[in-house]
Protein backbone atom coordinates (compact mmCIF):
# COMPACT_ATOMS: atom_id res chain seq x y z
CA MET A 1 -88.81 81.93 102.53
CA PRO A 2 -90.03 84.80 100.29
CA ARG A 3 -88.60 85.08 96.81
CA PRO A 4 -86.69 88.22 95.94
CA THR A 5 -88.84 90.72 94.05
CA THR A 6 -86.19 91.32 91.41
CA SER A 7 -84.42 88.66 89.37
CA THR A 8 -80.64 88.56 89.32
CA LYS A 9 -80.61 89.46 85.63
CA GLN A 10 -82.79 92.49 86.31
CA ARG A 11 -80.56 93.59 89.18
CA ILE A 12 -77.51 93.25 86.91
CA GLN A 13 -79.23 95.33 84.24
CA ASP A 14 -80.25 98.00 86.76
CA VAL A 15 -76.73 98.34 88.16
CA ALA A 16 -75.15 98.25 84.71
CA ARG A 17 -77.59 100.88 83.41
CA ASP A 18 -76.64 103.20 86.29
CA LEU A 19 -72.90 102.63 85.85
CA PHE A 20 -73.13 103.03 82.07
CA ALA A 21 -74.99 106.33 82.55
CA GLN A 22 -72.35 107.57 85.02
CA ARG A 23 -69.17 106.35 83.33
CA GLY A 24 -70.10 105.24 79.83
CA VAL A 25 -70.30 101.73 78.46
CA GLN A 26 -66.68 101.48 77.38
CA ARG A 27 -65.36 102.83 80.69
CA THR A 28 -67.41 100.43 82.80
CA SER A 29 -65.86 97.02 83.34
CA MET A 30 -67.71 93.83 84.08
CA GLN A 31 -65.65 93.66 87.30
CA GLU A 32 -67.06 97.04 88.42
CA ILE A 33 -70.59 95.80 87.77
CA ALA A 34 -69.91 92.59 89.72
CA ASP A 35 -68.36 94.58 92.60
CA GLN A 36 -71.35 96.91 92.76
CA LEU A 37 -73.67 93.90 92.94
CA GLY A 38 -71.55 92.07 95.49
CA ILE A 39 -71.12 89.04 93.22
CA THR A 40 -68.12 87.47 91.55
CA LYS A 41 -67.16 88.24 87.98
CA PRO A 42 -67.73 84.58 86.97
CA ALA A 43 -71.24 84.83 88.44
CA LEU A 44 -71.86 87.91 86.30
CA TYR A 45 -70.54 86.10 83.21
CA TYR A 46 -72.89 83.22 84.00
CA HIS A 47 -75.78 85.60 83.27
CA TYR A 48 -74.17 87.70 80.50
CA ALA A 49 -71.31 86.36 78.38
CA SER A 50 -70.04 89.85 77.50
CA ARG A 51 -70.55 93.53 78.12
CA GLU A 52 -72.09 93.79 74.62
CA GLU A 53 -74.63 91.11 75.50
CA LEU A 54 -75.47 93.00 78.69
CA VAL A 55 -75.86 96.29 76.81
CA ARG A 56 -78.10 94.64 74.24
CA SER A 57 -80.22 93.07 76.99
CA ILE A 58 -80.83 96.53 78.43
CA VAL A 59 -81.96 98.15 75.18
CA GLN A 60 -83.50 95.18 73.35
CA PRO A 61 -86.92 95.38 75.04
CA THR A 62 -87.18 99.04 74.01
CA LEU A 63 -86.14 98.21 70.46
CA ASP A 64 -88.66 95.37 70.30
CA GLU A 65 -91.38 97.68 71.60
CA GLU A 66 -90.52 100.32 68.99
CA GLU A 67 -90.67 97.68 66.26
CA ALA A 68 -94.09 96.59 67.52
CA PHE A 69 -95.23 100.23 67.62
CA LEU A 70 -94.17 100.77 64.01
CA ALA A 71 -95.76 97.51 62.86
CA SER A 72 -99.05 98.46 64.53
CA GLN A 73 -99.00 101.86 62.79
CA GLU A 74 -98.18 100.23 59.44
CA ALA A 75 -101.14 97.87 59.90
CA LEU A 76 -103.62 100.76 60.15
CA ALA A 77 -105.80 101.43 57.12
CA GLU A 78 -105.14 105.15 57.54
CA VAL A 79 -102.59 106.94 59.71
CA ASP A 80 -103.61 110.09 61.59
CA PRO A 81 -100.38 112.15 61.48
CA ARG A 82 -101.02 113.97 64.77
CA ALA A 83 -101.94 110.74 66.59
CA LEU A 84 -98.76 109.15 65.20
CA LEU A 85 -96.63 112.05 66.43
CA GLU A 86 -98.27 111.96 69.88
CA ALA A 87 -97.81 108.20 70.21
CA TYR A 88 -94.20 108.55 69.06
CA PHE A 89 -93.58 111.20 71.73
CA ASP A 90 -95.23 109.03 74.41
CA PHE A 91 -93.10 106.04 73.50
CA HIS A 92 -89.84 107.99 73.55
CA TYR A 93 -90.73 109.84 76.74
CA ARG A 94 -91.32 106.52 78.52
CA HIS A 95 -87.95 105.22 77.31
CA ARG A 96 -85.84 108.37 77.53
CA ALA A 97 -83.30 106.77 79.87
CA GLU A 98 -82.59 104.03 77.33
CA PHE A 99 -82.35 106.57 74.51
CA MET A 100 -79.99 108.75 76.58
CA LEU A 101 -77.77 105.68 77.00
CA MET A 102 -77.86 105.07 73.25
CA LEU A 103 -77.07 108.70 72.45
CA SER A 104 -74.17 108.79 74.88
CA GLU A 105 -72.64 105.64 73.41
CA LEU A 106 -73.25 105.96 69.67
CA THR A 107 -70.06 104.11 68.75
CA THR A 108 -71.02 101.14 70.91
CA PHE A 109 -74.53 101.06 69.51
CA ALA A 110 -73.31 101.43 65.93
CA HIS A 111 -71.08 98.40 66.50
CA LEU A 112 -74.15 96.46 67.70
CA GLY A 113 -76.06 97.42 64.54
CA LEU A 114 -78.63 99.48 66.38
CA ILE A 115 -78.02 102.79 64.61
CA ASP A 116 -78.94 101.26 61.25
CA ARG A 117 -82.14 99.99 62.80
CA VAL A 118 -83.07 103.45 64.07
CA LEU A 119 -82.39 104.98 60.65
CA GLU A 120 -84.58 102.33 59.01
CA TRP A 121 -87.38 103.16 61.45
CA ARG A 122 -87.15 106.83 60.51
CA GLN A 123 -87.62 105.85 56.85
CA ARG A 124 -90.65 103.76 57.72
CA LEU A 125 -92.15 106.64 59.73
CA GLY A 126 -91.71 108.95 56.75
CA LYS A 127 -93.50 106.46 54.53
CA LEU A 128 -96.36 106.24 57.03
CA LEU A 129 -96.90 109.97 56.58
CA HIS A 130 -96.09 110.39 52.89
CA GLY A 131 -96.57 107.03 51.20
CA PRO A 132 -94.05 104.59 49.74
CA ASP A 133 -92.11 107.15 47.69
CA PRO A 134 -91.79 110.39 49.65
CA THR A 135 -90.03 113.29 47.99
CA LEU A 136 -86.75 114.48 49.45
CA ASP A 137 -88.60 117.43 51.00
CA GLN A 138 -91.17 115.12 52.62
CA ALA A 139 -88.52 112.69 53.85
CA ALA A 140 -86.39 115.51 55.28
CA ARG A 141 -89.38 117.01 57.09
CA ALA A 142 -90.26 113.61 58.55
CA VAL A 143 -86.69 113.11 59.81
CA ILE A 144 -86.78 116.57 61.39
CA ALA A 145 -90.20 115.93 62.95
CA PHE A 146 -89.49 112.50 64.40
CA GLY A 147 -85.88 113.22 65.29
CA GLY A 148 -86.97 116.45 66.95
CA ILE A 149 -89.59 114.69 69.03
CA GLN A 150 -87.10 112.05 70.12
CA ASP A 151 -84.51 114.71 70.97
CA CYS A 152 -87.02 116.76 72.96
CA THR A 153 -87.74 113.81 75.26
CA VAL A 154 -84.10 113.77 76.39
CA GLN A 155 -83.16 117.44 75.93
CA PHE A 156 -85.71 118.84 78.40
CA PRO A 157 -85.79 116.50 81.41
CA ASP A 158 -87.16 119.14 83.80
CA VAL A 159 -90.15 120.22 81.70
CA PRO A 160 -93.48 118.65 82.75
CA GLU A 161 -94.47 115.86 80.38
CA ALA A 162 -97.76 117.41 79.17
CA GLU A 163 -96.10 120.75 78.43
CA LEU A 164 -93.20 119.11 76.62
CA ARG A 165 -95.54 116.83 74.65
CA ALA A 166 -97.60 119.80 73.45
CA ALA A 167 -94.52 121.78 72.40
CA ALA A 168 -92.75 118.85 70.73
CA VAL A 169 -95.82 117.69 68.79
CA ALA A 170 -96.59 121.27 67.71
CA GLY A 171 -93.00 121.67 66.49
CA ALA A 172 -93.18 118.37 64.60
CA CYS A 173 -96.48 119.40 63.01
CA ALA A 174 -94.88 122.69 61.93
CA ALA A 175 -91.93 120.82 60.40
CA LEU A 176 -94.36 118.61 58.48
CA GLY A 177 -96.56 121.54 57.44
CA ILE A 178 -99.69 120.17 59.12
CA GLN A 179 -102.06 121.88 61.55
CA PRO A 180 -101.11 121.25 65.18
């Protein structure tokens, strides 16, 4: 008998992601997720002990990938600002659904400690561009540049990727005062 192509945990995450996007995390019950899957609530709890654990399981791979991205940039002998901005756009474009979920549920994600992590990443990105002690002006420009890129990936869902990438990176370069 052929094995199913998708694991039960992955199916749960897929259904939960869709329901969270439609209704919000706090307005989606574990019972609704179980009903959508055609399983019992205890079966759902067998895989995920709580809604918070389920939410974290959906976003954790993206968070781990962003941490790895930052660590790889920090390991470089020299950072090319434009290449960093382009790679940052590419990462966030690939994961825009997860970031939309996080943006729509900021309270939930703050409770899980994820907002602090994102803010810490923004600091690290600024240091990649401006060294260990950026001025307030440099730090503010970096926040605008990286935050703007991240926002563009979710703000303009109907713009072709290449066109959006060019515009977002050019805008970030302008914010940082570097040639696009």
